[in-house]
């Protein structure tokens, strides 16, 4: 399985705006987008996930669905992503096609180890910097913690850095051993930056992170 180095995490003041921004991201060259809708019912999520799937399919962009793994299977998204580590991987796997991937967030070395034990396909290590409305118990990691965690894990599973990352951070982050990055606000503010991020990451189809599972 090939996991792109740049993940666009959708933003918007409404579900409709999330979909509009996914369209912009795809047309700007994003190879993977994550539908990051919050505070919506399963029915609403399914409705907008179908719209996101139509867009991403047109542009041949990967689509990752947040949390709702059964919806991910229904619409045949490329995978599902969890913002927590305490989901049941066996239950999720049982409700997915064999080719669909599972990603999850982690903030500590132990959380990463737990996710690797549960055989996730990629980990979003976060946050890189302190974010607005972030719970106090979530510690911003920075470059030093990225290095420490990557060195300790010694894993081939892709580790994606996320949380306030800008184009200025990319080179330093890649030097930590991080596989790629997830970006939300920076791209939402200027979708033309996708090209810049891709260039910095050298995220062409021949240079993506390759991961077998």
N, C-alpha and C. Protein backbone atom coordinates (compact mmCIF):
# COMPACT_ATOMS: atom_id res chain seq x y z
N UNK A 1 0.86 -1.20 0.00
CA UNK A 1 0.00 0.00 0.00
C UNK A 1 0.88 1.23 0.00
N UNK A 2 0.56 2.19 -0.84
CA UNK A 2 1.31 3.43 -0.92
C UNK A 2 0.54 4.53 -0.19
N UNK A 3 1.16 5.13 0.81
CA UNK A 3 0.52 6.18 1.58
C UNK A 3 1.18 7.52 1.24
N UNK A 4 0.44 8.44 0.63
CA UNK A 4 1.04 9.73 0.27
C UNK A 4 1.64 10.46 1.47
N UNK A 5 2.61 11.30 1.18
CA UNK A 5 3.32 12.02 2.24
C UNK A 5 2.56 13.24 2.73
N UNK A 6 1.64 13.76 1.92
CA UNK A 6 0.88 14.94 2.32
C UNK A 6 -0.59 14.59 2.49
N UNK A 7 -1.11 14.84 3.69
CA UNK A 7 -2.52 14.60 3.99
C UNK A 7 -3.19 15.95 4.25
N UNK A 8 -4.24 16.24 3.49
CA UNK A 8 -5.02 17.45 3.78
C UNK A 8 -6.17 17.07 4.70
N UNK A 9 -6.21 17.68 5.89
CA UNK A 9 -7.27 17.42 6.86
C UNK A 9 -8.32 18.52 6.68
N UNK A 10 -9.53 18.13 6.26
CA UNK A 10 -10.52 19.14 5.87
C UNK A 10 -10.93 20.06 7.02
N UNK A 11 -11.20 21.30 6.66
CA UNK A 11 -11.70 22.32 7.58
C UNK A 11 -12.91 23.00 6.96
N UNK A 12 -13.70 23.66 7.80
CA UNK A 12 -14.83 24.42 7.31
C UNK A 12 -15.78 24.77 8.44
N UNK A 13 -16.50 25.86 8.26
CA UNK A 13 -17.47 26.30 9.28
C UNK A 13 -18.77 25.51 9.19
N UNK A 14 -18.92 24.76 8.11
CA UNK A 14 -20.11 23.93 7.91
C UNK A 14 -19.68 22.69 7.13
N UNK A 15 -20.54 21.69 7.12
CA UNK A 15 -20.25 20.47 6.35
C UNK A 15 -20.07 20.81 4.87
N UNK A 16 -20.92 21.70 4.37
CA UNK A 16 -20.83 22.11 2.97
C UNK A 16 -19.47 22.73 2.66
N UNK A 17 -18.97 23.53 3.60
CA UNK A 17 -17.67 24.18 3.40
C UNK A 17 -16.54 23.15 3.42
N UNK A 18 -16.68 22.12 4.24
CA UNK A 18 -15.70 21.02 4.23
C UNK A 18 -15.62 20.41 2.84
N UNK A 19 -16.78 20.15 2.26
CA UNK A 19 -16.83 19.53 0.93
C UNK A 19 -16.24 20.46 -0.13
N UNK A 20 -16.57 21.75 -0.04
CA UNK A 20 -16.01 22.72 -0.98
C UNK A 20 -14.49 22.77 -0.87
N UNK A 21 -13.97 22.68 0.36
CA UNK A 21 -12.52 22.73 0.56
C UNK A 21 -11.84 21.44 0.10
N UNK A 22 -12.52 20.33 0.21
CA UNK A 22 -11.99 19.08 -0.33
C UNK A 22 -11.90 19.17 -1.85
N UNK A 23 -12.91 19.77 -2.47
CA UNK A 23 -12.88 19.99 -3.92
C UNK A 23 -11.66 20.84 -4.31
N UNK A 24 -11.43 21.92 -3.57
CA UNK A 24 -10.30 22.81 -3.85
C UNK A 24 -8.98 22.08 -3.65
N UNK A 25 -8.90 21.26 -2.61
CA UNK A 25 -7.67 20.53 -2.34
C UNK A 25 -7.36 19.54 -3.46
N UNK A 26 -8.39 18.83 -3.90
CA UNK A 26 -8.20 17.86 -4.98
C UNK A 26 -7.78 18.54 -6.28
N UNK A 27 -8.45 19.64 -6.60
CA UNK A 27 -8.12 20.34 -7.85
C UNK A 27 -6.75 21.02 -7.79
N UNK A 28 -6.23 21.17 -6.57
CA UNK A 28 -4.90 21.78 -6.40
C UNK A 28 -3.79 20.74 -6.31
N UNK A 29 -4.16 19.46 -6.42
CA UNK A 29 -3.13 18.42 -6.49
C UNK A 29 -2.95 17.58 -5.24
N UNK A 30 -3.89 17.66 -4.30
CA UNK A 30 -3.76 16.83 -3.10
C UNK A 30 -3.97 15.36 -3.44
N UNK A 31 -3.09 14.49 -2.95
CA UNK A 31 -3.19 13.07 -3.24
C UNK A 31 -3.98 12.31 -2.19
N UNK A 32 -4.21 12.95 -1.03
CA UNK A 32 -5.00 12.33 0.03
C UNK A 32 -5.71 13.41 0.82
N UNK A 33 -7.01 13.22 1.04
CA UNK A 33 -7.76 14.14 1.89
C UNK A 33 -8.48 13.35 2.97
N UNK A 34 -8.61 13.97 4.13
CA UNK A 34 -9.30 13.35 5.26
C UNK A 34 -10.55 14.16 5.58
N UNK A 35 -11.71 13.49 5.51
CA UNK A 35 -12.96 14.15 5.83
C UNK A 35 -13.07 14.28 7.34
N UNK A 36 -12.94 15.51 7.83
CA UNK A 36 -12.80 15.77 9.27
C UNK A 36 -14.04 16.43 9.85
N UNK A 37 -15.21 15.96 9.44
CA UNK A 37 -16.47 16.52 9.97
C UNK A 37 -16.64 16.16 11.44
N UNK A 38 -17.17 17.12 12.20
CA UNK A 38 -17.42 16.89 13.62
C UNK A 38 -18.82 17.34 13.98
N UNK A 39 -19.36 16.75 15.04
CA UNK A 39 -20.68 17.13 15.55
C UNK A 39 -21.79 17.02 14.52
N UNK A 40 -21.75 15.94 13.75
CA UNK A 40 -22.83 15.66 12.80
C UNK A 40 -23.34 14.24 13.06
N UNK A 41 -24.57 13.99 12.69
CA UNK A 41 -25.15 12.65 12.86
C UNK A 41 -24.55 11.69 11.83
N UNK A 42 -24.76 10.40 12.05
CA UNK A 42 -24.28 9.40 11.10
C UNK A 42 -24.93 9.60 9.74
N UNK A 43 -26.20 9.98 9.76
CA UNK A 43 -26.92 10.21 8.50
C UNK A 43 -26.31 11.36 7.71
N UNK A 44 -26.01 12.44 8.43
CA UNK A 44 -25.38 13.59 7.77
C UNK A 44 -23.98 13.24 7.30
N UNK A 45 -23.26 12.51 8.14
CA UNK A 45 -21.89 12.15 7.76
C UNK A 45 -21.90 11.30 6.49
N UNK A 46 -22.82 10.35 6.43
CA UNK A 46 -22.91 9.51 5.24
C UNK A 46 -23.21 10.34 4.00
N UNK A 47 -24.13 11.29 4.12
CA UNK A 47 -24.49 12.16 3.00
C UNK A 47 -23.27 12.91 2.48
N UNK A 48 -22.51 13.52 3.38
CA UNK A 48 -21.38 14.32 2.94
C UNK A 48 -20.17 13.46 2.57
N UNK A 49 -20.08 12.29 3.18
CA UNK A 49 -19.00 11.37 2.81
C UNK A 49 -19.19 10.89 1.37
N UNK A 50 -20.43 10.67 0.97
CA UNK A 50 -20.72 10.28 -0.42
C UNK A 50 -20.30 11.39 -1.39
N UNK A 51 -20.56 12.64 -0.99
CA UNK A 51 -20.16 13.78 -1.84
C UNK A 51 -18.64 13.85 -1.94
N UNK A 52 -17.98 13.65 -0.80
CA UNK A 52 -16.51 13.68 -0.80
C UNK A 52 -15.94 12.56 -1.67
N UNK A 53 -16.58 11.40 -1.62
CA UNK A 53 -16.13 10.26 -2.43
C UNK A 53 -16.25 10.55 -3.92
N UNK A 54 -17.35 11.18 -4.32
CA UNK A 54 -17.53 11.53 -5.74
C UNK A 54 -16.42 12.46 -6.21
N UNK A 55 -16.07 13.43 -5.38
CA UNK A 55 -15.03 14.40 -5.73
C UNK A 55 -13.67 13.72 -5.82
N UNK A 56 -13.33 12.98 -4.78
CA UNK A 56 -12.00 12.36 -4.74
C UNK A 56 -11.85 11.31 -5.84
N UNK A 57 -12.91 10.61 -6.15
CA UNK A 57 -12.86 9.60 -7.21
C UNK A 57 -12.57 10.27 -8.55
N UNK A 58 -13.21 11.42 -8.78
CA UNK A 58 -13.00 12.16 -10.02
C UNK A 58 -11.54 12.56 -10.19
N UNK A 59 -10.91 12.98 -9.09
CA UNK A 59 -9.53 13.46 -9.15
C UNK A 59 -8.51 12.36 -8.85
N UNK A 60 -9.00 11.14 -8.62
CA UNK A 60 -8.13 10.01 -8.25
C UNK A 60 -7.31 10.34 -7.00
N UNK A 61 -7.99 10.95 -6.05
CA UNK A 61 -7.39 11.32 -4.76
C UNK A 61 -7.85 10.32 -3.71
N UNK A 62 -6.98 9.96 -2.78
CA UNK A 62 -7.37 9.05 -1.70
C UNK A 62 -8.30 9.78 -0.72
N UNK A 63 -9.26 9.06 -0.18
CA UNK A 63 -10.18 9.63 0.81
C UNK A 63 -10.13 8.80 2.10
N UNK A 64 -9.86 9.50 3.20
CA UNK A 64 -9.89 8.90 4.53
C UNK A 64 -11.07 9.50 5.29
N UNK A 65 -11.85 8.64 5.94
CA UNK A 65 -13.03 9.06 6.69
C UNK A 65 -12.71 9.05 8.19
N UNK A 66 -13.12 10.08 8.91
CA UNK A 66 -12.90 10.13 10.36
C UNK A 66 -13.90 9.25 11.10
N UNK A 67 -13.39 8.36 11.95
CA UNK A 67 -14.16 7.63 12.96
C UNK A 67 -15.20 6.64 12.42
N UNK A 68 -16.05 7.06 11.48
CA UNK A 68 -17.18 6.24 11.05
C UNK A 68 -16.72 5.13 10.09
N UNK A 69 -16.19 4.05 10.64
CA UNK A 69 -15.59 3.02 9.80
C UNK A 69 -16.62 2.26 8.96
N UNK A 70 -17.86 2.15 9.46
CA UNK A 70 -18.89 1.48 8.66
C UNK A 70 -19.26 2.31 7.44
N UNK A 71 -19.24 3.64 7.61
CA UNK A 71 -19.48 4.53 6.47
C UNK A 71 -18.32 4.43 5.48
N UNK A 72 -17.11 4.31 6.01
CA UNK A 72 -15.93 4.15 5.14
C UNK A 72 -16.10 2.93 4.24
N UNK A 73 -16.67 1.87 4.79
CA UNK A 73 -16.88 0.67 3.97
C UNK A 73 -18.00 0.88 2.96
N UNK A 74 -19.09 1.49 3.40
CA UNK A 74 -20.25 1.71 2.51
C UNK A 74 -19.86 2.51 1.27
N UNK A 75 -19.10 3.59 1.47
CA UNK A 75 -18.75 4.45 0.33
C UNK A 75 -17.45 4.02 -0.35
N UNK A 76 -16.82 2.98 0.20
CA UNK A 76 -15.54 2.46 -0.32
C UNK A 76 -14.46 3.54 -0.31
N UNK A 77 -14.36 4.22 0.85
CA UNK A 77 -13.26 5.16 1.06
C UNK A 77 -11.96 4.36 1.14
N UNK A 78 -10.85 5.05 1.05
CA UNK A 78 -9.55 4.35 1.09
C UNK A 78 -9.17 3.93 2.50
N UNK A 79 -9.84 4.52 3.50
CA UNK A 79 -9.53 4.12 4.86
C UNK A 79 -10.29 4.94 5.88
N UNK A 80 -9.94 4.71 7.14
CA UNK A 80 -10.59 5.39 8.26
C UNK A 80 -9.52 5.85 9.24
N UNK A 81 -9.83 6.95 9.93
CA UNK A 81 -8.87 7.56 10.85
C UNK A 81 -9.53 7.80 12.20
N UNK A 82 -8.79 7.52 13.28
CA UNK A 82 -9.31 7.70 14.63
C UNK A 82 -8.49 8.74 15.39
N UNK A 83 -9.19 9.60 16.11
CA UNK A 83 -8.51 10.61 16.92
C UNK A 83 -8.17 10.08 18.30
N UNK A 84 -8.37 8.81 18.52
CA UNK A 84 -8.09 8.21 19.83
C UNK A 84 -7.40 6.87 19.63
N UNK A 85 -6.82 6.35 20.72
CA UNK A 85 -6.09 5.09 20.63
C UNK A 85 -6.88 3.91 21.20
N UNK A 86 -8.04 4.17 21.79
CA UNK A 86 -8.76 3.10 22.47
C UNK A 86 -9.88 2.47 21.64
N UNK A 87 -9.82 2.61 20.31
CA UNK A 87 -10.79 1.94 19.47
C UNK A 87 -10.42 0.45 19.39
N UNK A 88 -11.37 -0.36 18.97
CA UNK A 88 -11.14 -1.80 18.88
C UNK A 88 -10.70 -2.17 17.46
N UNK A 89 -9.42 -2.42 17.25
CA UNK A 89 -8.92 -2.68 15.89
C UNK A 89 -9.54 -3.91 15.24
N UNK A 90 -9.80 -4.95 16.03
CA UNK A 90 -10.37 -6.17 15.44
C UNK A 90 -11.78 -5.91 14.92
N UNK A 91 -12.55 -5.12 15.67
CA UNK A 91 -13.90 -4.76 15.24
C UNK A 91 -13.87 -3.91 13.97
N UNK A 92 -12.92 -2.97 13.94
CA UNK A 92 -12.79 -2.11 12.77
C UNK A 92 -12.38 -2.92 11.55
N UNK A 93 -11.36 -3.77 11.70
CA UNK A 93 -10.89 -4.60 10.59
C UNK A 93 -12.02 -5.46 10.03
N UNK A 94 -12.83 -5.98 10.94
CA UNK A 94 -13.92 -6.87 10.52
C UNK A 94 -14.96 -6.13 9.69
N UNK A 95 -15.02 -4.82 9.84
CA UNK A 95 -16.01 -4.01 9.12
C UNK A 95 -15.43 -3.27 7.94
N UNK A 96 -14.22 -3.61 7.54
CA UNK A 96 -13.59 -2.95 6.39
C UNK A 96 -13.23 -3.97 5.32
N UNK A 97 -13.03 -3.48 4.10
CA UNK A 97 -12.45 -4.33 3.06
C UNK A 97 -10.97 -4.52 3.39
N UNK A 98 -10.39 -5.58 2.91
CA UNK A 98 -8.99 -5.89 3.24
C UNK A 98 -8.03 -4.81 2.75
N UNK A 99 -8.41 -4.08 1.71
CA UNK A 99 -7.52 -3.08 1.13
C UNK A 99 -7.63 -1.71 1.80
N UNK A 100 -8.62 -1.54 2.69
CA UNK A 100 -8.78 -0.25 3.35
C UNK A 100 -7.80 -0.11 4.51
N UNK A 101 -7.32 1.11 4.73
CA UNK A 101 -6.29 1.34 5.74
C UNK A 101 -6.87 1.99 7.00
N UNK A 102 -6.14 1.84 8.10
CA UNK A 102 -6.53 2.43 9.37
C UNK A 102 -5.40 3.32 9.86
N UNK A 103 -5.74 4.56 10.18
CA UNK A 103 -4.78 5.49 10.78
C UNK A 103 -5.32 5.97 12.11
N UNK A 104 -4.43 6.45 12.97
CA UNK A 104 -4.89 6.94 14.28
C UNK A 104 -3.90 7.96 14.83
N UNK A 105 -4.41 8.81 15.73
CA UNK A 105 -3.60 9.86 16.34
C UNK A 105 -2.87 9.35 17.57
N UNK A 106 -1.69 9.92 17.83
CA UNK A 106 -0.94 9.61 19.05
C UNK A 106 -0.18 10.85 19.50
N UNK A 107 0.00 10.97 20.81
CA UNK A 107 0.72 12.11 21.38
C UNK A 107 1.94 11.68 22.18
N UNK A 108 2.05 10.38 22.47
CA UNK A 108 3.17 9.88 23.28
C UNK A 108 3.77 8.62 22.66
N UNK A 109 4.95 8.28 23.14
CA UNK A 109 5.61 7.05 22.69
C UNK A 109 4.74 5.84 23.01
N UNK A 110 4.17 5.79 24.20
CA UNK A 110 3.35 4.64 24.60
C UNK A 110 2.12 4.51 23.71
N UNK A 111 1.49 5.64 23.37
CA UNK A 111 0.33 5.58 22.48
C UNK A 111 0.72 5.04 21.12
N UNK A 112 1.89 5.44 20.64
CA UNK A 112 2.39 4.92 19.36
C UNK A 112 2.59 3.41 19.43
N UNK A 113 3.18 2.95 20.53
CA UNK A 113 3.42 1.51 20.69
C UNK A 113 2.11 0.73 20.73
N UNK A 114 1.11 1.29 21.40
CA UNK A 114 -0.21 0.65 21.46
C UNK A 114 -0.80 0.52 20.06
N UNK A 115 -0.70 1.58 19.29
CA UNK A 115 -1.24 1.56 17.93
C UNK A 115 -0.49 0.57 17.04
N UNK A 116 0.81 0.49 17.20
CA UNK A 116 1.59 -0.46 16.41
C UNK A 116 1.23 -1.89 16.78
N UNK A 117 0.99 -2.13 18.07
CA UNK A 117 0.55 -3.45 18.52
C UNK A 117 -0.78 -3.81 17.88
N UNK A 118 -1.63 -2.79 17.70
CA UNK A 118 -2.93 -3.00 17.07
C UNK A 118 -2.87 -2.97 15.55
N UNK A 119 -1.68 -2.87 15.02
CA UNK A 119 -1.41 -2.97 13.58
C UNK A 119 -2.14 -1.94 12.75
N UNK A 120 -2.07 -0.68 13.20
CA UNK A 120 -2.59 0.38 12.35
C UNK A 120 -1.64 0.55 11.16
N UNK A 121 -2.12 1.19 10.11
CA UNK A 121 -1.32 1.33 8.89
C UNK A 121 -0.52 2.62 8.85
N UNK A 122 -0.95 3.60 9.64
CA UNK A 122 -0.13 4.80 9.83
C UNK A 122 -0.55 5.50 11.11
N UNK A 123 0.37 6.31 11.65
CA UNK A 123 0.12 7.05 12.88
C UNK A 123 0.29 8.53 12.62
N UNK A 124 -0.65 9.33 13.12
CA UNK A 124 -0.52 10.78 13.07
C UNK A 124 0.01 11.25 14.42
N UNK A 125 1.28 11.61 14.46
CA UNK A 125 1.93 12.04 15.69
C UNK A 125 1.70 13.54 15.86
N UNK A 126 1.07 13.92 16.99
CA UNK A 126 0.61 15.29 17.10
C UNK A 126 0.40 15.72 18.56
N UNK A 127 0.32 17.07 18.75
CA UNK A 127 0.53 18.15 17.77
C UNK A 127 2.01 18.58 17.71
N UNK A 128 2.39 19.12 16.58
CA UNK A 128 3.75 19.62 16.43
C UNK A 128 3.95 20.87 17.28
N UNK A 129 2.97 21.77 17.26
CA UNK A 129 3.03 22.98 18.10
C UNK A 129 1.74 23.08 18.90
N UNK A 130 1.71 24.00 19.83
CA UNK A 130 0.51 24.23 20.65
C UNK A 130 -0.60 24.79 19.77
N UNK A 131 -1.78 24.17 19.85
CA UNK A 131 -2.90 24.58 19.01
C UNK A 131 -4.01 25.21 19.83
N UNK A 132 -4.80 26.04 19.17
CA UNK A 132 -5.93 26.68 19.83
C UNK A 132 -6.98 25.62 20.23
N UNK A 133 -7.59 25.79 21.39
CA UNK A 133 -8.60 24.88 21.91
C UNK A 133 -8.08 23.47 22.17
N UNK A 134 -6.79 23.36 22.36
CA UNK A 134 -6.17 22.07 22.62
C UNK A 134 -6.27 21.71 24.10
N UNK A 135 -6.65 20.48 24.44
CA UNK A 135 -6.71 20.09 25.85
C UNK A 135 -5.36 20.27 26.54
N UNK A 136 -5.38 20.70 27.79
CA UNK A 136 -4.14 20.99 28.51
C UNK A 136 -3.23 19.78 28.65
N UNK A 137 -3.85 18.58 28.69
CA UNK A 137 -3.04 17.38 28.88
C UNK A 137 -2.30 16.95 27.61
N UNK A 138 -2.65 17.56 26.48
CA UNK A 138 -1.97 17.23 25.23
C UNK A 138 -0.75 18.13 25.08
N UNK A 139 0.42 17.54 25.08
CA UNK A 139 1.67 18.29 25.05
C UNK A 139 2.14 18.48 23.61
N UNK A 140 2.44 19.74 23.21
CA UNK A 140 3.03 19.94 21.89
C UNK A 140 4.40 19.28 21.84
N UNK A 141 4.70 18.58 20.76
CA UNK A 141 5.88 17.73 20.72
C UNK A 141 7.14 18.43 20.21
N UNK A 142 7.01 19.18 19.13
CA UNK A 142 8.18 19.84 18.58
C UNK A 142 9.16 18.86 17.95
N UNK A 143 10.23 19.38 17.41
CA UNK A 143 11.20 18.55 16.70
C UNK A 143 11.89 17.53 17.61
N UNK A 144 12.25 17.95 18.82
CA UNK A 144 12.99 17.06 19.72
C UNK A 144 12.20 15.81 20.08
N UNK A 145 10.90 15.97 20.38
CA UNK A 145 10.08 14.82 20.72
C UNK A 145 9.81 13.95 19.48
N UNK A 146 9.65 14.59 18.33
CA UNK A 146 9.51 13.82 17.09
C UNK A 146 10.72 12.89 16.94
N UNK A 147 11.91 13.45 17.11
CA UNK A 147 13.14 12.67 16.97
C UNK A 147 13.18 11.53 17.99
N UNK A 148 12.89 11.86 19.25
CA UNK A 148 12.96 10.86 20.32
C UNK A 148 12.00 9.70 20.07
N UNK A 149 10.77 10.01 19.67
CA UNK A 149 9.76 8.98 19.44
C UNK A 149 10.10 8.13 18.22
N UNK A 150 10.50 8.76 17.14
CA UNK A 150 10.87 8.03 15.93
C UNK A 150 12.05 7.10 16.20
N UNK A 151 13.05 7.60 16.91
CA UNK A 151 14.23 6.79 17.23
C UNK A 151 13.87 5.59 18.11
N UNK A 152 12.95 5.81 19.04
CA UNK A 152 12.55 4.73 19.94
C UNK A 152 11.70 3.67 19.24
N UNK A 153 10.87 4.09 18.31
CA UNK A 153 9.94 3.16 17.66
C UNK A 153 10.64 2.23 16.67
N UNK A 154 11.55 2.79 15.89
CA UNK A 154 12.24 2.01 14.86
C UNK A 154 11.25 1.16 14.04
N UNK A 155 10.23 1.81 13.53
CA UNK A 155 9.18 1.11 12.79
C UNK A 155 9.15 1.52 11.32
N UNK A 156 8.70 0.60 10.49
CA UNK A 156 8.50 0.92 9.08
C UNK A 156 7.10 1.47 8.82
N UNK A 157 6.24 1.42 9.83
CA UNK A 157 4.89 2.00 9.70
C UNK A 157 5.02 3.51 9.54
N UNK A 158 4.39 4.10 8.55
CA UNK A 158 4.51 5.54 8.34
C UNK A 158 4.03 6.35 9.54
N UNK A 159 4.82 7.33 9.94
CA UNK A 159 4.47 8.26 11.01
C UNK A 159 4.30 9.63 10.37
N UNK A 160 3.10 10.19 10.48
CA UNK A 160 2.77 11.48 9.87
C UNK A 160 2.74 12.55 10.96
N UNK A 161 3.50 13.61 10.78
CA UNK A 161 3.48 14.72 11.74
C UNK A 161 2.29 15.62 11.46
N UNK A 162 1.66 16.13 12.52
CA UNK A 162 0.50 17.00 12.34
C UNK A 162 0.40 18.02 13.47
N UNK A 163 -0.21 19.17 13.15
CA UNK A 163 -0.50 20.16 14.19
C UNK A 163 0.21 21.47 14.01
N UNK A 164 -0.36 22.34 13.19
CA UNK A 164 0.21 23.67 13.00
C UNK A 164 1.43 23.73 12.11
N UNK A 165 1.60 22.73 11.26
CA UNK A 165 2.78 22.67 10.39
C UNK A 165 2.63 23.63 9.21
N UNK A 166 3.70 24.37 8.93
CA UNK A 166 3.74 25.28 7.78
C UNK A 166 4.83 24.83 6.82
N UNK A 167 4.89 25.48 5.66
CA UNK A 167 5.91 25.12 4.68
C UNK A 167 7.32 25.30 5.24
N UNK A 168 7.48 26.25 6.16
CA UNK A 168 8.81 26.52 6.73
C UNK A 168 9.31 25.38 7.61
N UNK A 169 8.39 24.53 8.06
CA UNK A 169 8.75 23.45 8.99
C UNK A 169 9.13 22.14 8.29
N UNK A 170 8.79 22.01 7.02
CA UNK A 170 8.86 20.70 6.36
C UNK A 170 10.25 20.07 6.39
N UNK A 171 11.26 20.80 5.98
CA UNK A 171 12.60 20.20 5.91
C UNK A 171 13.07 19.70 7.26
N UNK A 172 12.87 20.51 8.30
CA UNK A 172 13.30 20.11 9.64
C UNK A 172 12.51 18.89 10.12
N UNK A 173 11.23 18.84 9.81
CA UNK A 173 10.40 17.70 10.23
C UNK A 173 10.83 16.43 9.52
N UNK A 174 11.11 16.50 8.24
CA UNK A 174 11.57 15.32 7.51
C UNK A 174 12.89 14.80 8.06
N UNK A 175 13.71 15.71 8.55
CA UNK A 175 15.01 15.30 9.12
C UNK A 175 14.87 14.55 10.43
N UNK A 176 13.67 14.57 11.03
CA UNK A 176 13.45 13.83 12.28
C UNK A 176 13.19 12.35 11.99
N UNK A 177 12.92 12.02 10.74
CA UNK A 177 12.56 10.65 10.40
C UNK A 177 11.07 10.47 10.17
N UNK A 178 10.30 11.55 10.35
CA UNK A 178 8.87 11.53 10.07
C UNK A 178 8.64 11.21 8.58
N UNK A 179 7.61 10.40 8.28
CA UNK A 179 7.37 9.96 6.90
C UNK A 179 6.71 11.02 6.03
N UNK A 180 5.84 11.84 6.66
CA UNK A 180 5.09 12.83 5.91
C UNK A 180 4.37 13.74 6.88
N UNK A 181 3.44 14.55 6.36
CA UNK A 181 2.77 15.52 7.22
C UNK A 181 1.28 15.61 6.91
N UNK A 182 0.52 15.97 7.93
CA UNK A 182 -0.88 16.32 7.76
C UNK A 182 -1.01 17.82 7.95
N UNK A 183 -1.76 18.46 7.08
CA UNK A 183 -1.89 19.92 7.13
C UNK A 183 -3.36 20.28 7.00
N UNK A 184 -3.79 21.24 7.81
CA UNK A 184 -5.18 21.67 7.77
C UNK A 184 -5.27 23.17 7.49
N UNK A 185 -4.99 23.98 8.52
CA UNK A 185 -5.19 25.43 8.41
C UNK A 185 -4.35 26.07 7.32
N UNK A 186 -3.07 25.72 7.26
CA UNK A 186 -2.16 26.35 6.29
C UNK A 186 -2.67 26.16 4.86
N UNK A 187 -3.15 24.98 4.55
CA UNK A 187 -3.66 24.71 3.20
C UNK A 187 -5.04 25.35 3.00
N UNK A 188 -5.90 25.26 4.01
CA UNK A 188 -7.24 25.87 3.88
C UNK A 188 -7.13 27.36 3.60
N UNK A 189 -6.12 28.00 4.15
CA UNK A 189 -5.92 29.43 3.92
C UNK A 189 -5.40 29.73 2.53
N UNK A 190 -4.73 28.76 1.90
CA UNK A 190 -4.18 28.97 0.56
C UNK A 190 -3.92 27.61 -0.09
N UNK A 191 -4.85 27.17 -0.92
CA UNK A 191 -4.75 25.84 -1.52
C UNK A 191 -3.59 25.73 -2.51
N UNK A 192 -3.08 26.86 -2.97
CA UNK A 192 -1.91 26.82 -3.84
C UNK A 192 -0.68 26.27 -3.13
N UNK A 193 -0.71 26.29 -1.80
CA UNK A 193 0.42 25.77 -1.03
C UNK A 193 0.58 24.26 -1.14
N UNK A 194 -0.46 23.58 -1.63
CA UNK A 194 -0.34 22.13 -1.83
C UNK A 194 0.82 21.82 -2.75
N UNK A 195 0.96 22.60 -3.80
CA UNK A 195 2.08 22.39 -4.74
C UNK A 195 3.41 22.60 -4.04
N UNK A 196 3.46 23.63 -3.18
CA UNK A 196 4.70 23.90 -2.44
C UNK A 196 5.02 22.77 -1.49
N UNK A 197 4.02 22.31 -0.75
CA UNK A 197 4.23 21.18 0.17
C UNK A 197 4.68 19.94 -0.59
N UNK A 198 4.03 19.64 -1.71
CA UNK A 198 4.39 18.47 -2.50
C UNK A 198 5.84 18.55 -2.99
N UNK A 199 6.23 19.74 -3.39
CA UNK A 199 7.60 19.92 -3.86
C UNK A 199 8.59 19.71 -2.72
N UNK A 200 8.28 20.27 -1.55
CA UNK A 200 9.16 20.11 -0.40
C UNK A 200 9.24 18.66 0.05
N UNK A 201 8.14 17.97 -0.04
CA UNK A 201 8.09 16.57 0.39
C UNK A 201 8.56 15.62 -0.71
N UNK A 202 8.70 16.17 -1.91
CA UNK A 202 9.03 15.34 -3.08
C UNK A 202 8.01 14.22 -3.19
N UNK A 203 6.74 14.59 -3.02
CA UNK A 203 5.67 13.59 -2.92
C UNK A 203 5.12 13.18 -4.27
N UNK A 204 6.01 12.85 -5.19
CA UNK A 204 5.54 12.33 -6.47
C UNK A 204 5.16 10.86 -6.28
N UNK A 205 4.51 10.29 -7.26
CA UNK A 205 4.04 8.90 -7.15
C UNK A 205 5.21 7.93 -7.01
N UNK A 206 6.39 8.32 -7.47
CA UNK A 206 7.56 7.43 -7.38
C UNK A 206 8.32 7.60 -6.09
N UNK A 207 7.98 8.61 -5.31
CA UNK A 207 8.75 8.87 -4.10
C UNK A 207 7.90 8.83 -2.83
N UNK A 208 6.70 8.24 -2.95
CA UNK A 208 5.83 8.16 -1.78
C UNK A 208 6.35 7.11 -0.80
N UNK A 209 5.85 7.22 0.43
CA UNK A 209 6.17 6.22 1.45
C UNK A 209 5.49 4.90 1.08
N UNK A 210 6.27 3.84 0.93
CA UNK A 210 5.69 2.54 0.61
C UNK A 210 5.55 1.72 1.88
N UNK A 211 4.39 1.11 2.03
CA UNK A 211 4.10 0.39 3.27
C UNK A 211 3.26 -0.84 2.96
N UNK A 212 3.78 -1.98 3.29
CA UNK A 212 3.05 -3.22 3.06
C UNK A 212 2.38 -3.68 4.34
N UNK A 213 1.18 -4.21 4.20
CA UNK A 213 0.48 -4.75 5.38
C UNK A 213 -0.41 -5.90 4.97
